[in-house]
Amino acid sequence: MLVWVAATLLFVAAATAVFYAYAHWTTASESPSRLTLGSGTGTTVQPADQFMHSIVTEDGALGWHQLCPNLQTQLPMNALVQQARAQRTTLAQYGVWLTVKFVGTQPQHDGGVSHVYVVTAHWPSGATQTRTYIVLTQPSGCVEDVQNHA
């Protein structure tokens, strides 16, 4: 559970608004990967994908650069970098690594998009734990919220 506390804190640090995803997700590739990028949009890497990539690689600066400008003014980059460093330390202490799998997207009525991902924690024993995250982006593509759906 400690792993999810660290990962959730990193996600929550970037999330300020509450939105709900709607039905009819567009499904993407079924193969999980530690570095899965590209929300089924050809070769273009979306900020939501980069944000999730920053979680599994514990790169707080990369994650911060994907946030919408209003969130960047509320959350100093150093705070996200420190949180990522703490996550890296916690994961390493337990020998746990994370993978992320893109599940799908759904356009929102405001022009933004909901991106759905499954993050899996892999334990040295072979056990796994998963959490579903919805990354909400504005029409510009920047990340405006992240929701953890356990």
N, C-alpha and C. Protein backbone atom coordinates (compact mmCIF):
# COMPACT_ATOMS: atom_id res chain seq x y z
N MET A 1 0.80 -1.20 0.00
CA MET A 1 0.00 0.00 0.00
C MET A 1 0.85 1.27 0.00
N LEU A 2 2.04 1.19 0.55
CA LEU A 2 2.91 2.36 0.61
C LEU A 2 3.25 2.86 -0.79
N VAL A 3 3.39 1.93 -1.74
CA VAL A 3 3.68 2.32 -3.12
C VAL A 3 2.56 3.20 -3.65
N TRP A 4 1.31 2.84 -3.38
CA TRP A 4 0.20 3.61 -3.90
C TRP A 4 0.09 4.96 -3.23
N VAL A 5 0.53 5.05 -1.99
CA VAL A 5 0.54 6.35 -1.32
C VAL A 5 1.49 7.28 -2.07
N ALA A 6 2.69 6.80 -2.38
CA ALA A 6 3.66 7.62 -3.09
C ALA A 6 3.17 7.99 -4.49
N ALA A 7 2.67 7.00 -5.22
CA ALA A 7 2.20 7.27 -6.58
C ALA A 7 0.99 8.20 -6.56
N THR A 8 0.09 7.97 -5.63
CA THR A 8 -1.11 8.80 -5.54
C THR A 8 -0.75 10.23 -5.17
N LEU A 9 0.20 10.41 -4.26
CA LEU A 9 0.62 11.76 -3.90
C LEU A 9 1.14 12.51 -5.11
N LEU A 10 1.91 11.83 -5.95
CA LEU A 10 2.44 12.47 -7.15
C LEU A 10 1.31 12.87 -8.08
N PHE A 11 0.33 12.00 -8.25
CA PHE A 11 -0.81 12.33 -9.09
C PHE A 11 -1.64 13.46 -8.49
N VAL A 12 -1.92 13.35 -7.20
CA VAL A 12 -2.78 14.34 -6.55
C VAL A 12 -2.14 15.72 -6.56
N ALA A 13 -0.82 15.78 -6.49
CA ALA A 13 -0.14 17.07 -6.50
C ALA A 13 -0.47 17.85 -7.77
N ALA A 14 -0.78 17.16 -8.84
CA ALA A 14 -1.08 17.82 -10.10
C ALA A 14 -2.57 18.05 -10.32
N ALA A 15 -3.38 17.50 -9.48
CA ALA A 15 -4.83 17.54 -9.73
C ALA A 15 -5.53 18.54 -8.82
N THR A 16 -6.35 19.42 -9.39
CA THR A 16 -7.09 20.38 -8.57
C THR A 16 -8.58 20.37 -8.85
N ALA A 17 -9.01 20.06 -10.03
CA ALA A 17 -10.44 20.11 -10.35
C ALA A 17 -11.03 18.70 -10.31
N VAL A 18 -12.33 18.59 -10.15
CA VAL A 18 -12.98 17.29 -10.14
C VAL A 18 -13.87 17.19 -11.38
N PHE A 19 -13.56 16.20 -12.19
CA PHE A 19 -14.35 15.92 -13.38
C PHE A 19 -14.67 14.44 -13.40
N TYR A 20 -15.68 14.09 -14.14
CA TYR A 20 -16.03 12.68 -14.24
C TYR A 20 -15.98 12.25 -15.71
N ALA A 21 -15.44 11.04 -15.91
CA ALA A 21 -15.38 10.50 -17.26
C ALA A 21 -16.76 9.97 -17.66
N TYR A 22 -17.03 10.00 -18.94
CA TYR A 22 -18.29 9.49 -19.45
C TYR A 22 -18.06 8.13 -20.12
N ALA A 23 -19.09 7.51 -20.65
CA ALA A 23 -19.00 6.16 -21.22
C ALA A 23 -18.39 6.17 -22.62
N HIS A 24 -18.26 4.99 -23.21
CA HIS A 24 -17.80 4.78 -24.58
C HIS A 24 -16.33 5.10 -24.79
N TRP A 25 -15.47 4.43 -24.07
CA TRP A 25 -14.03 4.64 -24.22
C TRP A 25 -13.56 4.07 -25.55
N THR A 26 -12.61 4.75 -26.18
CA THR A 26 -11.96 4.25 -27.38
C THR A 26 -10.80 3.37 -26.95
N THR A 27 -10.79 2.11 -27.33
CA THR A 27 -9.79 1.17 -26.87
C THR A 27 -8.53 1.27 -27.72
N ALA A 28 -7.38 1.08 -27.04
CA ALA A 28 -6.08 1.10 -27.72
C ALA A 28 -5.40 -0.25 -27.55
N SER A 29 -4.11 -0.28 -27.76
CA SER A 29 -3.30 -1.49 -27.70
C SER A 29 -3.48 -2.24 -26.39
N GLU A 30 -3.45 -3.56 -26.46
CA GLU A 30 -3.62 -4.39 -25.27
C GLU A 30 -2.30 -4.72 -24.59
N SER A 31 -1.16 -4.43 -25.20
CA SER A 31 0.10 -4.83 -24.61
C SER A 31 0.63 -3.79 -23.62
N PRO A 32 0.88 -4.22 -22.35
CA PRO A 32 1.40 -3.28 -21.36
C PRO A 32 2.86 -2.98 -21.63
N SER A 33 3.28 -1.80 -21.22
CA SER A 33 4.67 -1.41 -21.41
C SER A 33 5.04 -0.41 -20.33
N ARG A 34 6.28 -0.44 -19.93
CA ARG A 34 6.75 0.53 -18.94
C ARG A 34 6.72 1.94 -19.53
N LEU A 35 6.91 2.06 -20.82
CA LEU A 35 7.03 3.37 -21.45
C LEU A 35 6.01 3.55 -22.57
N THR A 36 4.81 3.08 -22.39
CA THR A 36 3.79 3.23 -23.42
C THR A 36 3.45 4.70 -23.63
N LEU A 37 3.62 5.20 -24.83
CA LEU A 37 3.30 6.57 -25.15
C LEU A 37 2.43 6.61 -26.40
N GLY A 38 1.68 7.68 -26.55
CA GLY A 38 0.86 7.85 -27.74
C GLY A 38 -0.54 7.29 -27.54
N SER A 39 -1.49 8.16 -27.27
CA SER A 39 -2.86 7.74 -26.99
C SER A 39 -3.61 7.36 -28.25
N GLY A 40 -3.05 6.47 -29.02
CA GLY A 40 -3.74 6.02 -30.21
C GLY A 40 -3.88 7.12 -31.26
N THR A 41 -3.00 8.11 -31.22
CA THR A 41 -3.13 9.25 -32.12
C THR A 41 -1.98 9.29 -33.12
N GLY A 42 -1.58 8.13 -33.61
CA GLY A 42 -0.48 8.10 -34.56
C GLY A 42 0.84 8.28 -33.83
N THR A 43 1.70 9.13 -34.37
CA THR A 43 3.02 9.31 -33.78
C THR A 43 3.10 10.49 -32.82
N THR A 44 2.03 11.23 -32.65
CA THR A 44 2.03 12.38 -31.76
C THR A 44 1.94 11.92 -30.32
N VAL A 45 2.87 12.38 -29.50
CA VAL A 45 2.85 12.06 -28.08
C VAL A 45 2.10 13.18 -27.36
N GLN A 46 1.03 12.81 -26.68
CA GLN A 46 0.17 13.76 -26.00
C GLN A 46 0.73 14.12 -24.61
N PRO A 47 0.44 15.32 -24.11
CA PRO A 47 0.88 15.68 -22.76
C PRO A 47 0.39 14.69 -21.70
N ALA A 48 -0.80 14.14 -21.85
CA ALA A 48 -1.29 13.15 -20.88
C ALA A 48 -0.39 11.92 -20.87
N ASP A 49 0.04 11.48 -22.06
CA ASP A 49 0.95 10.34 -22.16
C ASP A 49 2.29 10.67 -21.50
N GLN A 50 2.79 11.86 -21.77
CA GLN A 50 4.07 12.28 -21.18
C GLN A 50 3.95 12.36 -19.67
N PHE A 51 2.81 12.84 -19.17
CA PHE A 51 2.61 12.93 -17.73
C PHE A 51 2.67 11.53 -17.12
N MET A 52 1.97 10.58 -17.72
CA MET A 52 1.99 9.21 -17.19
C MET A 52 3.39 8.60 -17.32
N HIS A 53 4.07 8.90 -18.39
CA HIS A 53 5.46 8.45 -18.56
C HIS A 53 6.31 8.98 -17.43
N SER A 54 6.06 10.23 -17.03
CA SER A 54 6.84 10.82 -15.93
C SER A 54 6.60 10.10 -14.62
N ILE A 55 5.44 9.48 -14.46
CA ILE A 55 5.15 8.74 -13.23
C ILE A 55 5.98 7.47 -13.16
N VAL A 56 5.99 6.69 -14.23
CA VAL A 56 6.73 5.42 -14.19
C VAL A 56 8.23 5.61 -14.25
N THR A 57 8.68 6.75 -14.74
CA THR A 57 10.12 7.03 -14.77
C THR A 57 10.55 7.94 -13.63
N GLU A 58 9.60 8.30 -12.78
CA GLU A 58 9.84 9.17 -11.62
C GLU A 58 10.52 10.47 -12.03
N ASP A 59 10.03 11.09 -13.08
CA ASP A 59 10.59 12.33 -13.62
C ASP A 59 9.61 13.48 -13.36
N GLY A 60 9.73 14.08 -12.18
CA GLY A 60 8.81 15.14 -11.78
C GLY A 60 8.85 16.35 -12.68
N ALA A 61 10.02 16.69 -13.20
CA ALA A 61 10.14 17.86 -14.09
C ALA A 61 9.35 17.63 -15.38
N LEU A 62 9.47 16.43 -15.94
CA LEU A 62 8.71 16.11 -17.15
C LEU A 62 7.21 16.21 -16.87
N GLY A 63 6.77 15.67 -15.76
CA GLY A 63 5.35 15.75 -15.40
C GLY A 63 4.88 17.18 -15.23
N TRP A 64 5.69 18.00 -14.57
CA TRP A 64 5.32 19.39 -14.33
C TRP A 64 5.13 20.14 -15.64
N HIS A 65 5.99 19.86 -16.62
CA HIS A 65 5.91 20.57 -17.91
C HIS A 65 4.65 20.20 -18.69
N GLN A 66 3.94 19.15 -18.31
CA GLN A 66 2.71 18.76 -19.00
C GLN A 66 1.48 19.43 -18.38
N LEU A 67 1.65 20.04 -17.20
CA LEU A 67 0.52 20.66 -16.51
C LEU A 67 0.09 21.94 -17.20
N CYS A 68 -1.18 22.26 -17.05
CA CYS A 68 -1.70 23.53 -17.56
C CYS A 68 -1.03 24.68 -16.81
N PRO A 69 -0.85 25.82 -17.46
CA PRO A 69 -0.17 26.96 -16.84
C PRO A 69 -0.76 27.37 -15.49
N ASN A 70 -2.09 27.31 -15.34
CA ASN A 70 -2.67 27.69 -14.05
C ASN A 70 -2.24 26.74 -12.93
N LEU A 71 -2.04 25.45 -13.24
CA LEU A 71 -1.54 24.51 -12.24
C LEU A 71 -0.06 24.73 -11.96
N GLN A 72 0.68 25.06 -13.01
CA GLN A 72 2.11 25.32 -12.82
C GLN A 72 2.34 26.50 -11.87
N THR A 73 1.46 27.50 -11.90
CA THR A 73 1.62 28.64 -10.99
C THR A 73 1.27 28.25 -9.55
N GLN A 74 0.39 27.25 -9.38
CA GLN A 74 0.00 26.81 -8.04
C GLN A 74 0.95 25.77 -7.46
N LEU A 75 1.62 25.03 -8.32
CA LEU A 75 2.49 23.94 -7.89
C LEU A 75 3.89 24.16 -8.43
N PRO A 76 4.83 24.57 -7.59
CA PRO A 76 6.20 24.78 -8.08
C PRO A 76 6.78 23.47 -8.63
N MET A 77 7.57 23.58 -9.67
CA MET A 77 8.18 22.40 -10.28
C MET A 77 8.97 21.61 -9.24
N ASN A 78 9.66 22.29 -8.36
CA ASN A 78 10.47 21.61 -7.36
C ASN A 78 9.63 20.69 -6.47
N ALA A 79 8.39 21.05 -6.19
CA ALA A 79 7.52 20.20 -5.37
C ALA A 79 7.26 18.87 -6.06
N LEU A 80 7.01 18.90 -7.36
CA LEU A 80 6.77 17.67 -8.10
C LEU A 80 8.06 16.87 -8.25
N VAL A 81 9.17 17.54 -8.44
CA VAL A 81 10.46 16.87 -8.54
C VAL A 81 10.78 16.15 -7.22
N GLN A 82 10.55 16.82 -6.10
CA GLN A 82 10.80 16.21 -4.79
C GLN A 82 9.87 15.03 -4.55
N GLN A 83 8.62 15.15 -4.96
CA GLN A 83 7.67 14.05 -4.79
C GLN A 83 8.10 12.85 -5.63
N ALA A 84 8.56 13.10 -6.84
CA ALA A 84 9.04 12.01 -7.71
C ALA A 84 10.26 11.35 -7.09
N ARG A 85 11.13 12.13 -6.52
CA ARG A 85 12.32 11.59 -5.86
C ARG A 85 11.92 10.70 -4.67
N ALA A 86 10.94 11.15 -3.91
CA ALA A 86 10.45 10.35 -2.78
C ALA A 86 9.82 9.05 -3.28
N GLN A 87 9.07 9.13 -4.38
CA GLN A 87 8.47 7.93 -4.95
C GLN A 87 9.56 6.97 -5.39
N ARG A 88 10.59 7.48 -6.06
CA ARG A 88 11.69 6.64 -6.54
C ARG A 88 12.35 5.92 -5.37
N THR A 89 12.58 6.64 -4.27
CA THR A 89 13.21 6.05 -3.09
C THR A 89 12.34 4.95 -2.50
N THR A 90 11.05 5.22 -2.38
CA THR A 90 10.12 4.24 -1.80
C THR A 90 10.03 2.99 -2.67
N LEU A 91 9.90 3.18 -3.97
CA LEU A 91 9.80 2.04 -4.88
C LEU A 91 11.08 1.20 -4.83
N ALA A 92 12.23 1.86 -4.85
CA ALA A 92 13.51 1.15 -4.82
C ALA A 92 13.68 0.38 -3.51
N GLN A 93 13.24 0.96 -2.43
CA GLN A 93 13.36 0.32 -1.12
C GLN A 93 12.64 -1.03 -1.10
N TYR A 94 11.52 -1.12 -1.78
CA TYR A 94 10.75 -2.36 -1.82
C TYR A 94 10.98 -3.18 -3.08
N GLY A 95 11.82 -2.72 -3.97
CA GLY A 95 12.09 -3.45 -5.21
C GLY A 95 10.92 -3.46 -6.16
N VAL A 96 10.07 -2.44 -6.07
CA VAL A 96 8.86 -2.36 -6.89
C VAL A 96 9.12 -1.49 -8.10
N TRP A 97 8.55 -1.86 -9.24
CA TRP A 97 8.60 -1.00 -10.41
C TRP A 97 7.20 -0.86 -10.98
N LEU A 98 6.99 0.23 -11.68
CA LEU A 98 5.67 0.55 -12.24
C LEU A 98 5.67 0.43 -13.75
N THR A 99 4.53 0.02 -14.28
CA THR A 99 4.29 0.06 -15.72
C THR A 99 2.98 0.79 -15.94
N VAL A 100 2.82 1.34 -17.13
CA VAL A 100 1.58 2.04 -17.46
C VAL A 100 1.08 1.53 -18.79
N LYS A 101 -0.22 1.36 -18.87
CA LYS A 101 -0.87 0.91 -20.11
C LYS A 101 -1.95 1.91 -20.47
N PHE A 102 -1.89 2.42 -21.66
CA PHE A 102 -2.94 3.31 -22.16
C PHE A 102 -4.16 2.47 -22.48
N VAL A 103 -5.35 2.92 -22.03
CA VAL A 103 -6.58 2.17 -22.26
C VAL A 103 -7.43 2.84 -23.33
N GLY A 104 -7.61 4.16 -23.24
CA GLY A 104 -8.45 4.83 -24.22
C GLY A 104 -8.66 6.30 -23.90
N THR A 105 -9.42 6.95 -24.78
CA THR A 105 -9.74 8.36 -24.60
C THR A 105 -11.22 8.57 -24.84
N GLN A 106 -11.69 9.69 -24.34
CA GLN A 106 -13.06 10.12 -24.62
C GLN A 106 -13.08 11.63 -24.67
N PRO A 107 -13.55 12.20 -25.78
CA PRO A 107 -13.69 13.65 -25.87
C PRO A 107 -14.70 14.15 -24.83
N GLN A 108 -14.44 15.32 -24.29
CA GLN A 108 -15.34 15.93 -23.31
C GLN A 108 -16.10 17.08 -23.97
N HIS A 109 -17.23 17.43 -23.40
CA HIS A 109 -18.09 18.47 -23.98
C HIS A 109 -17.40 19.84 -24.03
N ASP A 110 -16.40 20.06 -23.18
CA ASP A 110 -15.70 21.35 -23.16
C ASP A 110 -14.54 21.42 -24.15
N GLY A 111 -14.35 20.36 -24.93
CA GLY A 111 -13.26 20.32 -25.90
C GLY A 111 -12.02 19.61 -25.39
N GLY A 112 -11.99 19.32 -24.11
CA GLY A 112 -10.87 18.56 -23.54
C GLY A 112 -11.04 17.08 -23.81
N VAL A 113 -10.15 16.29 -23.25
CA VAL A 113 -10.18 14.85 -23.47
C VAL A 113 -9.87 14.14 -22.15
N SER A 114 -10.57 13.03 -21.88
CA SER A 114 -10.26 12.14 -20.77
C SER A 114 -9.40 11.01 -21.33
N HIS A 115 -8.25 10.80 -20.72
CA HIS A 115 -7.32 9.73 -21.11
C HIS A 115 -7.30 8.72 -19.96
N VAL A 116 -7.50 7.45 -20.26
CA VAL A 116 -7.55 6.42 -19.23
C VAL A 116 -6.30 5.55 -19.31
N TYR A 117 -5.71 5.31 -18.14
CA TYR A 117 -4.49 4.50 -18.04
C TYR A 117 -4.63 3.53 -16.87
N VAL A 118 -3.97 2.40 -16.98
CA VAL A 118 -3.85 1.47 -15.87
C VAL A 118 -2.37 1.43 -15.49
N VAL A 119 -2.10 1.73 -14.23
CA VAL A 119 -0.74 1.67 -13.70
C VAL A 119 -0.65 0.40 -12.86
N THR A 120 0.39 -0.38 -13.12
CA THR A 120 0.59 -1.63 -12.39
C THR A 120 1.89 -1.55 -11.60
N ALA A 121 1.80 -1.89 -10.32
CA ALA A 121 2.99 -2.01 -9.46
C ALA A 121 3.39 -3.47 -9.47
N HIS A 122 4.66 -3.72 -9.80
CA HIS A 122 5.19 -5.09 -9.87
C HIS A 122 6.12 -5.30 -8.68
N TRP A 123 5.80 -6.30 -7.85
CA TRP A 123 6.58 -6.61 -6.66
C TRP A 123 7.61 -7.70 -7.00
N PRO A 124 8.72 -7.72 -6.28
CA PRO A 124 9.74 -8.75 -6.53
C PRO A 124 9.21 -10.17 -6.42
N SER A 125 8.19 -10.39 -5.62
CA SER A 125 7.61 -11.72 -5.44
C SER A 125 6.81 -12.18 -6.66
N GLY A 126 6.56 -11.26 -7.59
CA GLY A 126 5.73 -11.57 -8.75
C GLY A 126 4.31 -11.06 -8.60
N ALA A 127 3.96 -10.62 -7.40
CA ALA A 127 2.63 -10.05 -7.18
C ALA A 127 2.50 -8.72 -7.90
N THR A 128 1.28 -8.36 -8.26
CA THR A 128 1.02 -7.08 -8.91
C THR A 128 -0.20 -6.41 -8.26
N GLN A 129 -0.24 -5.10 -8.36
CA GLN A 129 -1.39 -4.31 -7.94
C GLN A 129 -1.65 -3.30 -9.04
N THR A 130 -2.91 -3.03 -9.33
CA THR A 130 -3.23 -2.06 -10.39
C THR A 130 -4.13 -0.96 -9.87
N ARG A 131 -4.02 0.19 -10.51
CA ARG A 131 -4.89 1.33 -10.26
C ARG A 131 -5.21 1.94 -11.62
N THR A 132 -6.43 2.43 -11.75
CA THR A 132 -6.84 3.11 -12.97
C THR A 132 -6.79 4.61 -12.72
N TYR A 133 -6.21 5.34 -13.66
CA TYR A 133 -6.12 6.79 -13.58
C TYR A 133 -6.76 7.41 -14.81
N ILE A 134 -7.47 8.49 -14.58
CA ILE A 134 -8.02 9.28 -15.67
C ILE A 134 -7.30 10.63 -15.65
N VAL A 135 -6.67 10.94 -16.76
CA VAL A 135 -5.96 12.21 -16.91
C VAL A 135 -6.83 13.10 -17.79
N LEU A 136 -7.25 14.22 -17.25
CA LEU A 136 -8.10 15.15 -17.99
C LEU A 136 -7.26 16.27 -18.56
N THR A 137 -7.45 16.51 -19.85
CA THR A 137 -6.69 17.57 -20.51
C THR A 137 -7.63 18.64 -21.05
N GLN A 138 -7.13 19.86 -21.12
CA GLN A 138 -7.87 20.96 -21.72
C GLN A 138 -7.78 20.84 -23.24
N PRO A 139 -8.57 21.63 -23.97
CA PRO A 139 -8.50 21.58 -25.44
C PRO A 139 -7.07 21.80 -25.98
N SER A 140 -6.26 22.56 -25.25
CA SER A 140 -4.87 22.79 -25.67
C SER A 140 -4.00 21.55 -25.50
N GLY A 141 -4.48 20.58 -24.72
CA GLY A 141 -3.73 19.35 -24.49
C GLY A 141 -3.07 19.29 -23.12
N CYS A 142 -2.93 20.42 -22.43
CA CYS A 142 -2.25 20.40 -21.14
C CYS A 142 -3.08 19.64 -20.10
N VAL A 143 -2.39 19.07 -19.12
CA VAL A 143 -3.03 18.28 -18.07
C VAL A 143 -3.64 19.21 -17.03
N GLU A 144 -4.96 19.04 -16.80
CA GLU A 144 -5.63 19.88 -15.82
C GLU A 144 -6.08 19.12 -14.58
N ASP A 145 -6.17 17.79 -14.65
CA ASP A 145 -6.59 17.01 -13.49
C ASP A 145 -6.21 15.56 -13.68
N VAL A 146 -6.02 14.86 -12.56
CA VAL A 146 -5.76 13.43 -12.57
C VAL A 146 -6.62 12.81 -11.49
N GLN A 147 -7.34 11.76 -11.86
CA GLN A 147 -8.21 11.07 -10.91
C GLN A 147 -7.75 9.63 -10.74
N ASN A 148 -7.68 9.19 -9.49
CA ASN A 148 -7.31 7.83 -9.15
C ASN A 148 -8.60 7.05 -8.91
N HIS A 149 -8.81 6.00 -9.69
CA HIS A 149 -9.98 5.14 -9.52
C HIS A 149 -9.50 3.76 -9.13
N ALA A 150 -9.43 3.54 -7.83
CA ALA A 150 -8.91 2.26 -7.31
C ALA A 150 -9.79 1.09 -7.68
